Amino acid sequence: MIEERKHDAINDLNRSFLKDVSYDSNKVISLSKDIKAEEFSKNILSLDPNIRFAGLIERSGYLFAGGIREGVDQYLNGSNAELSLSQSAHIVYLRERFLTELGNLKYIVYNYSKVKLFSMPVKQYILIFSTESTVSTEDLANKVSQYIKSMEHQLSLHPPSNIINKEKKETLKNLYESGFEEEVIADQLDLDLNTVRMLIKEIYV
């Protein structure tokens, strides 16, 4: 009789344990949902009311996700906005040449009288965001960095497949079929390496 009670008690504990494991597993699944580029940009924008704009660019300066906060003035438009993005990309990748000597690049900030413009490497892309000029640079940069670090394993920030036109995609295909390495193709087409790999997979799957 005692042995039967022990056996029942152990079964009850096992059932309770399995129930807890199942619950925790569901929590992990919900927490590990991939965060895409657009969602990530919106999350950055919502971190602080002083953030005016947030977006992601690749190394060519192509803005593939993001937007401006509703109700704020947009200071740069058209070709000036494109030039600013291209400059941001160029400067970040240029500074990464000194990683060995100086360590990882955390961020670059331009302090204007109207706004502050931030460029922050995130995986193989660059997060760009603008803020009101009155914000504390270090405090805001730390807030954004901490969020990125906490979500890093969930970030899936690849650009959409329509990042290049039909002609450029055909050039990519020809280069790949001619035996060129993916890194060379990326340099030739001024694209991020992961973007090239994504497009190749899309073409041949």
N, C-alpha and C. Protein backbone atom coordinates (compact mmCIF):
# COMPACT_ATOMS: atom_id res chain seq x y z
N MET A 1 0.82 -1.20 0.00
CA MET A 1 0.00 0.00 0.00
C MET A 1 0.86 1.26 0.00
N ILE A 2 1.90 1.24 0.82
CA ILE A 2 2.82 2.38 0.91
C ILE A 2 3.52 2.59 -0.43
N GLU A 3 3.93 1.44 -1.05
CA GLU A 3 4.62 1.53 -2.34
C GLU A 3 3.71 2.12 -3.41
N GLU A 4 2.40 1.74 -3.35
CA GLU A 4 1.45 2.27 -4.33
C GLU A 4 1.30 3.78 -4.18
N ARG A 5 1.25 4.23 -2.91
CA ARG A 5 1.14 5.67 -2.67
C ARG A 5 2.37 6.43 -3.17
N LYS A 6 3.55 5.82 -2.94
CA LYS A 6 4.79 6.43 -3.45
C LYS A 6 4.75 6.54 -4.96
N HIS A 7 4.28 5.46 -5.59
CA HIS A 7 4.22 5.42 -7.05
C HIS A 7 3.26 6.51 -7.57
N ASP A 8 2.09 6.65 -6.92
CA ASP A 8 1.12 7.67 -7.32
C ASP A 8 1.68 9.08 -7.13
N ALA A 9 2.40 9.24 -6.01
CA ALA A 9 2.99 10.56 -5.72
C ALA A 9 4.02 10.93 -6.78
N ILE A 10 4.83 9.96 -7.18
CA ILE A 10 5.84 10.20 -8.21
C ILE A 10 5.18 10.54 -9.55
N ASN A 11 4.11 9.83 -9.88
CA ASN A 11 3.38 10.11 -11.12
C ASN A 11 2.81 11.53 -11.12
N ASP A 12 2.27 11.92 -9.93
CA ASP A 12 1.73 13.27 -9.81
C ASP A 12 2.82 14.32 -10.03
N LEU A 13 4.00 14.08 -9.45
CA LEU A 13 5.11 15.01 -9.63
C LEU A 13 5.55 15.07 -11.09
N ASN A 14 5.61 13.91 -11.74
CA ASN A 14 6.00 13.87 -13.15
C ASN A 14 5.02 14.64 -14.02
N ARG A 15 3.72 14.45 -13.74
CA ARG A 15 2.70 15.15 -14.53
C ARG A 15 2.83 16.67 -14.32
N SER A 16 3.07 17.06 -13.07
CA SER A 16 3.24 18.48 -12.77
C SER A 16 4.46 19.04 -13.47
N PHE A 17 5.54 18.28 -13.46
CA PHE A 17 6.79 18.70 -14.10
C PHE A 17 6.60 18.86 -15.61
N LEU A 18 5.94 17.86 -16.22
CA LEU A 18 5.71 17.91 -17.66
C LEU A 18 4.82 19.08 -18.04
N LYS A 19 3.85 19.37 -17.17
CA LYS A 19 2.97 20.51 -17.41
C LYS A 19 3.77 21.80 -17.39
N ASP A 20 4.67 21.92 -16.40
CA ASP A 20 5.51 23.12 -16.30
C ASP A 20 6.43 23.25 -17.50
N VAL A 21 7.03 22.14 -17.93
CA VAL A 21 7.93 22.15 -19.08
C VAL A 21 7.18 22.57 -20.34
N SER A 22 5.97 22.04 -20.50
CA SER A 22 5.16 22.39 -21.66
C SER A 22 4.83 23.88 -21.66
N TYR A 23 4.51 24.41 -20.51
CA TYR A 23 4.18 25.84 -20.39
C TYR A 23 5.41 26.69 -20.72
N ASP A 24 6.56 26.31 -20.13
CA ASP A 24 7.78 27.07 -20.39
C ASP A 24 8.16 27.00 -21.86
N SER A 25 7.98 25.86 -22.47
CA SER A 25 8.30 25.70 -23.89
C SER A 25 7.47 26.64 -24.73
N ASN A 26 6.18 26.75 -24.40
CA ASN A 26 5.32 27.66 -25.15
C ASN A 26 5.78 29.10 -24.98
N LYS A 27 6.22 29.43 -23.76
CA LYS A 27 6.72 30.78 -23.52
C LYS A 27 7.95 31.05 -24.36
N VAL A 28 8.86 30.08 -24.43
CA VAL A 28 10.09 30.24 -25.21
C VAL A 28 9.76 30.45 -26.68
N ILE A 29 8.80 29.65 -27.18
CA ILE A 29 8.43 29.78 -28.58
C ILE A 29 7.90 31.17 -28.87
N SER A 30 7.05 31.67 -27.98
CA SER A 30 6.47 32.99 -28.22
C SER A 30 7.52 34.09 -28.12
N LEU A 31 8.50 33.88 -27.22
CA LEU A 31 9.53 34.89 -27.05
C LEU A 31 10.56 34.86 -28.17
N SER A 32 10.69 33.73 -28.86
CA SER A 32 11.73 33.60 -29.88
C SER A 32 11.22 33.93 -31.27
N LYS A 33 10.06 34.60 -31.38
CA LYS A 33 9.53 34.99 -32.67
C LYS A 33 10.52 35.91 -33.38
N ASP A 34 10.76 35.66 -34.66
CA ASP A 34 11.68 36.50 -35.41
C ASP A 34 11.14 37.92 -35.52
N ILE A 35 12.04 38.86 -35.37
CA ILE A 35 11.69 40.27 -35.53
C ILE A 35 12.24 40.73 -36.88
N LYS A 36 11.35 41.06 -37.80
CA LYS A 36 11.74 41.49 -39.13
C LYS A 36 12.15 42.96 -39.12
N ALA A 37 12.68 43.40 -40.26
CA ALA A 37 13.27 44.74 -40.35
C ALA A 37 12.27 45.85 -40.04
N GLU A 38 11.05 45.76 -40.61
CA GLU A 38 10.07 46.82 -40.38
C GLU A 38 9.64 46.88 -38.91
N GLU A 39 9.40 45.72 -38.33
CA GLU A 39 9.01 45.68 -36.92
C GLU A 39 10.13 46.22 -36.03
N PHE A 40 11.35 45.84 -36.35
CA PHE A 40 12.51 46.32 -35.60
C PHE A 40 12.59 47.84 -35.64
N SER A 41 12.40 48.42 -36.83
CA SER A 41 12.48 49.87 -36.98
C SER A 41 11.40 50.56 -36.16
N LYS A 42 10.18 49.99 -36.17
CA LYS A 42 9.09 50.57 -35.38
C LYS A 42 9.38 50.46 -33.89
N ASN A 43 10.00 49.35 -33.49
CA ASN A 43 10.35 49.18 -32.07
C ASN A 43 11.37 50.22 -31.63
N ILE A 44 12.34 50.51 -32.49
CA ILE A 44 13.33 51.53 -32.17
C ILE A 44 12.64 52.89 -32.02
N LEU A 45 11.72 53.18 -32.94
CA LEU A 45 11.00 54.45 -32.91
C LEU A 45 10.20 54.62 -31.62
N SER A 46 9.70 53.50 -31.11
CA SER A 46 8.86 53.56 -29.90
C SER A 46 9.66 53.57 -28.60
N LEU A 47 10.98 53.41 -28.69
CA LEU A 47 11.81 53.39 -27.49
C LEU A 47 11.83 54.72 -26.75
N ASP A 48 11.73 55.80 -27.52
CA ASP A 48 11.84 57.13 -26.90
C ASP A 48 11.09 58.14 -27.76
N PRO A 49 10.29 59.01 -27.15
CA PRO A 49 9.53 59.99 -27.93
C PRO A 49 10.41 61.01 -28.64
N ASN A 50 11.67 61.10 -28.25
CA ASN A 50 12.59 62.03 -28.92
C ASN A 50 13.16 61.48 -30.22
N ILE A 51 12.93 60.20 -30.51
CA ILE A 51 13.39 59.62 -31.77
C ILE A 51 12.40 60.02 -32.87
N ARG A 52 12.91 60.69 -33.87
CA ARG A 52 12.07 61.22 -34.95
C ARG A 52 11.92 60.24 -36.11
N PHE A 53 12.98 59.52 -36.37
CA PHE A 53 13.03 58.61 -37.52
C PHE A 53 13.90 57.42 -37.15
N ALA A 54 13.56 56.24 -37.66
CA ALA A 54 14.40 55.06 -37.48
C ALA A 54 14.27 54.18 -38.71
N GLY A 55 15.40 53.64 -39.17
CA GLY A 55 15.36 52.77 -40.34
C GLY A 55 16.63 51.95 -40.46
N LEU A 56 16.62 51.03 -41.41
CA LEU A 56 17.77 50.16 -41.67
C LEU A 56 18.26 50.37 -43.09
N ILE A 57 19.57 50.46 -43.24
CA ILE A 57 20.16 50.55 -44.57
C ILE A 57 21.18 49.44 -44.74
N GLU A 58 21.42 49.08 -46.00
CA GLU A 58 22.52 48.16 -46.28
C GLU A 58 23.74 48.97 -46.70
N ARG A 59 24.82 48.31 -47.09
CA ARG A 59 26.06 49.04 -47.25
C ARG A 59 26.07 49.97 -48.45
N SER A 60 25.14 49.81 -49.39
CA SER A 60 25.03 50.75 -50.51
C SER A 60 24.33 52.03 -50.10
N GLY A 61 23.73 52.04 -48.89
CA GLY A 61 22.96 53.18 -48.45
C GLY A 61 21.49 53.04 -48.76
N TYR A 62 21.10 51.88 -49.27
CA TYR A 62 19.69 51.63 -49.62
C TYR A 62 18.87 51.45 -48.34
N LEU A 63 17.85 52.28 -48.19
CA LEU A 63 16.95 52.19 -47.05
C LEU A 63 15.87 51.15 -47.34
N PHE A 64 15.89 50.02 -46.60
CA PHE A 64 14.94 48.97 -46.90
C PHE A 64 13.88 48.77 -45.82
N ALA A 65 13.95 49.56 -44.77
CA ALA A 65 12.91 49.50 -43.73
C ALA A 65 12.96 50.77 -42.92
N GLY A 66 11.81 51.15 -42.36
CA GLY A 66 11.80 52.28 -41.45
C GLY A 66 10.86 53.38 -41.87
N GLY A 67 10.79 54.41 -41.04
CA GLY A 67 9.91 55.53 -41.33
C GLY A 67 10.03 56.61 -40.28
N ILE A 68 9.35 57.72 -40.53
CA ILE A 68 9.42 58.89 -39.67
C ILE A 68 8.23 58.88 -38.71
N ARG A 69 8.43 59.43 -37.53
CA ARG A 69 7.34 59.53 -36.56
C ARG A 69 6.27 60.48 -37.09
N GLU A 70 5.03 60.08 -36.92
CA GLU A 70 3.92 60.89 -37.41
C GLU A 70 3.89 62.24 -36.70
N GLY A 71 3.73 63.29 -37.51
CA GLY A 71 3.58 64.63 -36.94
C GLY A 71 4.85 65.43 -36.82
N VAL A 72 6.03 64.84 -37.14
CA VAL A 72 7.28 65.60 -37.04
C VAL A 72 7.69 66.10 -38.42
N ASP A 73 8.44 67.19 -38.45
CA ASP A 73 8.92 67.76 -39.71
C ASP A 73 10.06 66.92 -40.27
N GLN A 74 10.05 66.74 -41.59
CA GLN A 74 11.12 66.01 -42.26
C GLN A 74 12.06 67.03 -42.89
N TYR A 75 13.29 67.08 -42.40
CA TYR A 75 14.23 68.11 -42.84
C TYR A 75 14.91 67.76 -44.16
N LEU A 76 15.16 66.48 -44.41
CA LEU A 76 15.84 66.07 -45.64
C LEU A 76 14.87 65.32 -46.55
N ASN A 77 14.88 65.69 -47.82
CA ASN A 77 14.00 65.04 -48.79
C ASN A 77 14.77 64.75 -50.08
N GLY A 78 14.23 63.85 -50.87
CA GLY A 78 14.77 63.60 -52.21
C GLY A 78 16.23 63.21 -52.22
N SER A 79 17.00 63.87 -53.09
CA SER A 79 18.40 63.51 -53.29
C SER A 79 19.24 63.79 -52.04
N ASN A 80 18.87 64.80 -51.27
CA ASN A 80 19.62 65.08 -50.04
C ASN A 80 19.48 63.95 -49.02
N ALA A 81 18.27 63.39 -48.92
CA ALA A 81 18.06 62.26 -48.01
C ALA A 81 18.87 61.05 -48.47
N GLU A 82 18.88 60.79 -49.78
CA GLU A 82 19.63 59.67 -50.32
C GLU A 82 21.13 59.85 -50.10
N LEU A 83 21.61 61.09 -50.29
CA LEU A 83 23.03 61.38 -50.07
C LEU A 83 23.41 61.16 -48.61
N SER A 84 22.55 61.57 -47.70
CA SER A 84 22.81 61.39 -46.28
C SER A 84 22.93 59.91 -45.92
N LEU A 85 22.04 59.08 -46.48
CA LEU A 85 22.07 57.65 -46.21
C LEU A 85 23.33 57.01 -46.77
N SER A 86 23.71 57.41 -48.00
CA SER A 86 24.91 56.86 -48.62
C SER A 86 26.15 57.22 -47.83
N GLN A 87 26.20 58.46 -47.36
CA GLN A 87 27.33 58.89 -46.54
C GLN A 87 27.42 58.10 -45.24
N SER A 88 26.27 57.88 -44.62
CA SER A 88 26.24 57.13 -43.36
C SER A 88 26.80 55.73 -43.55
N ALA A 89 26.35 55.07 -44.62
CA ALA A 89 26.82 53.71 -44.90
C ALA A 89 28.32 53.70 -45.17
N HIS A 90 28.76 54.64 -45.99
CA HIS A 90 30.19 54.69 -46.36
C HIS A 90 31.07 54.91 -45.14
N ILE A 91 30.68 55.84 -44.29
CA ILE A 91 31.50 56.18 -43.12
C ILE A 91 31.56 55.03 -42.12
N VAL A 92 30.42 54.36 -41.89
CA VAL A 92 30.41 53.22 -40.96
C VAL A 92 31.34 52.12 -41.45
N TYR A 93 31.22 51.75 -42.71
CA TYR A 93 32.06 50.67 -43.23
C TYR A 93 33.52 51.09 -43.34
N LEU A 94 33.76 52.37 -43.57
CA LEU A 94 35.13 52.86 -43.59
C LEU A 94 35.76 52.76 -42.21
N ARG A 95 35.02 53.13 -41.17
CA ARG A 95 35.54 53.08 -39.80
C ARG A 95 35.76 51.65 -39.32
N GLU A 96 35.03 50.70 -39.91
CA GLU A 96 35.19 49.30 -39.48
C GLU A 96 36.54 48.73 -39.88
N ARG A 97 37.29 49.44 -40.68
CA ARG A 97 38.65 49.01 -41.03
C ARG A 97 39.56 49.01 -39.80
N PHE A 98 39.16 49.74 -38.76
CA PHE A 98 40.00 49.90 -37.57
C PHE A 98 39.53 49.05 -36.40
N LEU A 99 38.70 48.04 -36.68
CA LEU A 99 38.17 47.21 -35.60
C LEU A 99 39.28 46.53 -34.81
N THR A 100 40.29 46.04 -35.51
CA THR A 100 41.38 45.31 -34.84
C THR A 100 42.11 46.22 -33.85
N GLU A 101 42.37 47.45 -34.27
CA GLU A 101 43.13 48.36 -33.42
C GLU A 101 42.25 49.04 -32.36
N LEU A 102 41.02 49.36 -32.70
CA LEU A 102 40.19 50.19 -31.82
C LEU A 102 39.03 49.46 -31.17
N GLY A 103 38.72 48.25 -31.61
CA GLY A 103 37.58 47.52 -31.07
C GLY A 103 36.33 47.78 -31.90
N ASN A 104 35.22 47.21 -31.47
CA ASN A 104 33.96 47.32 -32.22
C ASN A 104 33.45 48.76 -32.23
N LEU A 105 32.93 49.15 -33.40
CA LEU A 105 32.32 50.47 -33.53
C LEU A 105 30.93 50.43 -32.90
N LYS A 106 30.67 51.29 -31.93
CA LYS A 106 29.37 51.30 -31.25
C LYS A 106 28.35 52.16 -31.99
N TYR A 107 28.73 53.37 -32.30
CA TYR A 107 27.83 54.24 -33.06
C TYR A 107 28.60 55.49 -33.51
N ILE A 108 28.01 56.16 -34.49
CA ILE A 108 28.51 57.45 -34.96
C ILE A 108 27.35 58.43 -34.83
N VAL A 109 27.61 59.63 -34.36
CA VAL A 109 26.54 60.61 -34.21
C VAL A 109 26.98 61.95 -34.80
N TYR A 110 26.06 62.59 -35.52
CA TYR A 110 26.26 63.95 -36.03
C TYR A 110 25.32 64.87 -35.26
N ASN A 111 25.88 65.89 -34.65
CA ASN A 111 25.11 66.78 -33.78
C ASN A 111 24.86 68.11 -34.51
N TYR A 112 23.65 68.26 -35.03
CA TYR A 112 23.26 69.50 -35.69
C TYR A 112 22.43 70.35 -34.73
N SER A 113 22.20 71.60 -35.10
CA SER A 113 21.41 72.47 -34.24
C SER A 113 19.94 72.05 -34.19
N LYS A 114 19.45 71.38 -35.24
CA LYS A 114 18.06 70.94 -35.28
C LYS A 114 17.87 69.50 -34.84
N VAL A 115 18.80 68.63 -35.20
CA VAL A 115 18.66 67.20 -34.90
C VAL A 115 20.01 66.57 -34.61
N LYS A 116 19.95 65.35 -34.06
CA LYS A 116 21.12 64.49 -33.98
C LYS A 116 20.86 63.27 -34.86
N LEU A 117 21.87 62.88 -35.64
CA LEU A 117 21.74 61.75 -36.55
C LEU A 117 22.68 60.64 -36.09
N PHE A 118 22.12 59.46 -35.82
CA PHE A 118 22.90 58.32 -35.32
C PHE A 118 23.03 57.25 -36.40
N SER A 119 24.20 56.63 -36.45
CA SER A 119 24.42 55.44 -37.28
C SER A 119 25.01 54.37 -36.37
N MET A 120 24.35 53.20 -36.35
CA MET A 120 24.75 52.14 -35.42
C MET A 120 24.76 50.79 -36.14
N PRO A 121 25.92 50.13 -36.22
CA PRO A 121 25.96 48.81 -36.87
C PRO A 121 25.09 47.80 -36.13
N VAL A 122 24.27 47.07 -36.88
CA VAL A 122 23.44 45.99 -36.32
C VAL A 122 23.56 44.80 -37.25
N LYS A 123 24.22 43.75 -36.76
CA LYS A 123 24.54 42.60 -37.60
C LYS A 123 25.29 43.11 -38.82
N GLN A 124 24.84 42.76 -40.04
CA GLN A 124 25.55 43.20 -41.24
C GLN A 124 24.94 44.47 -41.84
N TYR A 125 24.03 45.10 -41.12
CA TYR A 125 23.36 46.30 -41.62
C TYR A 125 23.66 47.49 -40.72
N ILE A 126 23.01 48.61 -41.00
CA ILE A 126 23.22 49.81 -40.20
C ILE A 126 21.87 50.38 -39.79
N LEU A 127 21.69 50.54 -38.50
CA LEU A 127 20.52 51.24 -37.99
C LEU A 127 20.82 52.73 -38.02
N ILE A 128 19.92 53.49 -38.63
CA ILE A 128 20.05 54.94 -38.61
C ILE A 128 18.82 55.51 -37.91
N PHE A 129 19.03 56.48 -37.07
CA PHE A 129 17.89 57.14 -36.44
C PHE A 129 18.25 58.58 -36.12
N SER A 130 17.24 59.42 -36.19
CA SER A 130 17.43 60.83 -35.87
C SER A 130 16.62 61.17 -34.63
N THR A 131 17.10 62.16 -33.89
CA THR A 131 16.45 62.54 -32.63
C THR A 131 16.39 64.05 -32.52
N GLU A 132 15.63 64.51 -31.55
CA GLU A 132 15.65 65.93 -31.22
C GLU A 132 17.06 66.29 -30.74
N SER A 133 17.47 67.50 -30.99
CA SER A 133 18.85 67.91 -30.69
C SER A 133 19.14 67.98 -29.20
N THR A 134 18.07 68.01 -28.39
CA THR A 134 18.25 68.19 -26.94
C THR A 134 18.50 66.89 -26.18
N VAL A 135 18.42 65.75 -26.84
CA VAL A 135 18.55 64.48 -26.12
C VAL A 135 19.99 64.27 -25.65
N SER A 136 20.14 63.46 -24.62
CA SER A 136 21.47 63.04 -24.17
C SER A 136 21.97 61.94 -25.11
N THR A 137 23.04 62.24 -25.81
CA THR A 137 23.56 61.29 -26.80
C THR A 137 23.88 59.94 -26.17
N GLU A 138 24.61 59.95 -25.09
CA GLU A 138 25.04 58.70 -24.47
C GLU A 138 23.87 57.91 -23.90
N ASP A 139 22.94 58.61 -23.24
CA ASP A 139 21.79 57.91 -22.64
C ASP A 139 20.94 57.23 -23.71
N LEU A 140 20.67 57.95 -24.79
CA LEU A 140 19.82 57.38 -25.84
C LEU A 140 20.54 56.26 -26.58
N ALA A 141 21.82 56.45 -26.86
CA ALA A 141 22.58 55.40 -27.54
C ALA A 141 22.61 54.14 -26.69
N ASN A 142 22.77 54.29 -25.38
CA ASN A 142 22.77 53.14 -24.48
C ASN A 142 21.41 52.45 -24.46
N LYS A 143 20.34 53.23 -24.47
CA LYS A 143 18.99 52.66 -24.47
C LYS A 143 18.75 51.81 -25.73
N VAL A 144 19.15 52.35 -26.87
CA VAL A 144 18.97 51.62 -28.14
C VAL A 144 19.87 50.39 -28.16
N SER A 145 21.11 50.54 -27.72
CA SER A 145 22.06 49.41 -27.72
C SER A 145 21.58 48.28 -26.82
N GLN A 146 21.04 48.63 -25.67
CA GLN A 146 20.54 47.62 -24.75
C GLN A 146 19.36 46.85 -25.34
N TYR A 147 18.48 47.58 -26.03
CA TYR A 147 17.35 46.90 -26.68
C TYR A 147 17.85 45.94 -27.75
N ILE A 148 18.79 46.39 -28.58
CA ILE A 148 19.33 45.53 -29.65
C ILE A 148 19.98 44.29 -29.05
N LYS A 149 20.76 44.48 -28.00
CA LYS A 149 21.42 43.35 -27.35
C LYS A 149 20.42 42.35 -26.80
N SER A 150 19.32 42.85 -26.22
CA SER A 150 18.32 41.96 -25.62
C SER A 150 17.53 41.18 -26.68
N MET A 151 17.45 41.72 -27.88
CA MET A 151 16.67 41.10 -28.95
C MET A 151 17.54 40.47 -30.04
N GLU A 152 18.85 40.49 -29.85
CA GLU A 152 19.78 40.14 -30.92
C GLU A 152 19.50 38.77 -31.54
N HIS A 153 19.20 37.77 -30.71
CA HIS A 153 18.98 36.42 -31.22
C HIS A 153 17.67 36.29 -31.98
N GLN A 154 16.80 37.29 -31.90
CA GLN A 154 15.51 37.24 -32.59
C GLN A 154 15.48 38.06 -33.87
N LEU A 155 16.54 38.83 -34.12
CA LEU A 155 16.52 39.74 -35.25
C LEU A 155 16.74 39.01 -36.57
N SER A 156 15.83 39.23 -37.49
CA SER A 156 15.93 38.70 -38.86
C SER A 156 15.72 39.88 -39.79
N LEU A 157 16.80 40.57 -40.13
CA LEU A 157 16.71 41.91 -40.70
C LEU A 157 16.99 41.97 -42.20
N HIS A 158 16.88 40.86 -42.89
CA HIS A 158 17.22 40.87 -44.31
C HIS A 158 16.29 41.75 -45.12
N PRO A 159 16.84 42.44 -46.14
CA PRO A 159 16.00 43.28 -47.00
C PRO A 159 15.02 42.41 -47.80
N PRO A 160 13.96 43.01 -48.33
CA PRO A 160 13.04 42.25 -49.18
C PRO A 160 13.70 41.87 -50.49
N SER A 161 13.16 40.87 -51.15
CA SER A 161 13.78 40.37 -52.38
C SER A 161 13.69 41.36 -53.53
N ASN A 162 12.79 42.34 -53.44
CA ASN A 162 12.65 43.31 -54.52
C ASN A 162 13.62 44.48 -54.37
N ILE A 163 14.69 44.26 -53.60
CA ILE A 163 15.68 45.30 -53.37
C ILE A 163 16.40 45.67 -54.67
N ILE A 164 16.46 44.75 -55.63
CA ILE A 164 17.09 45.04 -56.91
C ILE A 164 16.10 44.82 -58.04
N ASN A 165 16.32 45.50 -59.16
CA ASN A 165 15.42 45.37 -60.29
C ASN A 165 15.73 44.11 -61.09
N LYS A 166 14.93 43.88 -62.12
CA LYS A 166 15.04 42.65 -62.92
C LYS A 166 16.40 42.54 -63.60
N GLU A 167 16.90 43.65 -64.12
CA GLU A 167 18.19 43.63 -64.84
C GLU A 167 19.34 43.29 -63.90
N LYS A 168 19.31 43.89 -62.69
CA LYS A 168 20.37 43.62 -61.73
C LYS A 168 20.32 42.18 -61.23
N LYS A 169 19.10 41.66 -61.09
CA LYS A 169 18.95 40.27 -60.67
C LYS A 169 19.48 39.33 -61.74
N GLU A 170 19.27 39.70 -63.00
CA GLU A 170 19.79 38.88 -64.10
C GLU A 170 21.32 38.91 -64.12
N THR A 171 21.89 40.08 -63.84
CA THR A 171 23.35 40.18 -63.75
C THR A 171 23.88 39.31 -62.63
N LEU A 172 23.21 39.33 -61.50
CA LEU A 172 23.60 38.48 -60.36
C LEU A 172 23.59 37.01 -60.78
N LYS A 173 22.54 36.61 -61.46
CA LYS A 173 22.42 35.22 -61.91
C LYS A 173 23.55 34.84 -62.85
N ASN A 174 23.87 35.73 -63.80
CA ASN A 174 24.94 35.45 -64.76
C ASN A 174 26.30 35.34 -64.07
N LEU A 175 26.55 36.24 -63.11
CA LEU A 175 27.82 36.18 -62.38
C LEU A 175 27.93 34.89 -61.58
N TYR A 176 26.84 34.51 -60.95
CA TYR A 176 26.84 33.29 -60.13
C TYR A 176 27.07 32.06 -61.00
N GLU A 177 26.39 31.99 -62.14
CA GLU A 177 26.53 30.84 -63.03
C GLU A 177 27.88 30.82 -63.74
N SER A 178 28.56 31.96 -63.75
CA SER A 178 29.90 32.03 -64.34
C SER A 178 30.98 31.62 -63.35
N GLY A 179 30.55 31.31 -62.12
CA GLY A 179 31.50 30.80 -61.14
C GLY A 179 32.08 31.84 -60.20
N PHE A 180 31.57 33.06 -60.22
CA PHE A 180 32.08 34.09 -59.31
C PHE A 180 31.66 33.80 -57.87
N GLU A 181 32.56 34.10 -56.95
CA GLU A 181 32.26 33.92 -55.53
C GLU A 181 31.18 34.92 -55.10
N GLU A 182 30.44 34.54 -54.07
CA GLU A 182 29.36 35.41 -53.58
C GLU A 182 29.89 36.76 -53.12
N GLU A 183 31.09 36.76 -52.51
CA GLU A 183 31.68 38.02 -52.04
C GLU A 183 31.98 38.95 -53.21
N VAL A 184 32.44 38.38 -54.32
CA VAL A 184 32.75 39.18 -55.51
C VAL A 184 31.48 39.75 -56.11
N ILE A 185 30.44 38.92 -56.16
CA ILE A 185 29.14 39.38 -56.67
C ILE A 185 28.62 40.54 -55.83
N ALA A 186 28.74 40.41 -54.52
CA ALA A 186 28.29 41.48 -53.62
C ALA A 186 29.02 42.78 -53.91
N ASP A 187 30.34 42.70 -54.13
CA ASP A 187 31.13 43.90 -54.44
C ASP A 187 30.73 44.49 -55.79
N GLN A 188 30.54 43.62 -56.77
CA GLN A 188 30.19 44.06 -58.12
C GLN A 188 28.85 44.79 -58.15
N LEU A 189 27.89 44.28 -57.39
CA LEU A 189 26.53 44.84 -57.42
C LEU A 189 26.26 45.81 -56.29
N ASP A 190 27.30 46.04 -55.46
CA ASP A 190 27.17 46.96 -54.32
C ASP A 190 26.02 46.54 -53.41
N LEU A 191 26.02 45.24 -53.06
CA LEU A 191 25.00 44.68 -52.20
C LEU A 191 25.65 44.03 -50.99
N ASP A 192 24.87 43.87 -49.95
CA ASP A 192 25.33 43.15 -48.77
C ASP A 192 25.44 41.66 -49.11
N LEU A 193 26.43 40.98 -48.51
CA LEU A 193 26.66 39.58 -48.81
C LEU A 193 25.45 38.71 -48.50
N ASN A 194 24.81 38.96 -47.38
CA ASN A 194 23.62 38.16 -47.03
C ASN A 194 22.46 38.41 -47.99
N THR A 195 22.37 39.63 -48.52
CA THR A 195 21.35 39.93 -49.52
C THR A 195 21.61 39.11 -50.77
N VAL A 196 22.87 39.04 -51.19
CA VAL A 196 23.24 38.23 -52.36
C VAL A 196 22.88 36.78 -52.13
N ARG A 197 23.20 36.25 -50.96
CA ARG A 197 22.88 34.84 -50.66
C ARG A 197 21.37 34.60 -50.66
N MET A 198 20.62 35.56 -50.13
CA MET A 198 19.17 35.44 -50.11
C MET A 198 18.60 35.42 -51.53
N LEU A 199 19.14 36.29 -52.40
CA LEU A 199 18.65 36.36 -53.79
C LEU A 199 19.01 35.10 -54.56
N ILE A 200 20.21 34.58 -54.34
CA ILE A 200 20.62 33.35 -55.00
C ILE A 200 19.71 32.19 -54.60
N LYS A 201 19.43 32.14 -53.32
CA LYS A 201 18.52 31.08 -52.81
C LYS A 201 17.14 31.23 -53.44
N GLU A 202 16.68 32.47 -53.55
CA GLU A 202 15.36 32.72 -54.13
C GLU A 202 15.31 32.32 -55.61
N ILE A 203 16.40 32.59 -56.33
CA ILE A 203 16.44 32.27 -57.77
C ILE A 203 16.45 30.77 -58.02
N TYR A 204 17.17 30.03 -57.19
CA TYR A 204 17.40 28.61 -57.49
C TYR A 204 16.58 27.64 -56.66
N VAL A 205 15.72 28.16 -55.82
CA VAL A 205 14.85 27.25 -55.04
C VAL A 205 13.56 27.02 -55.80
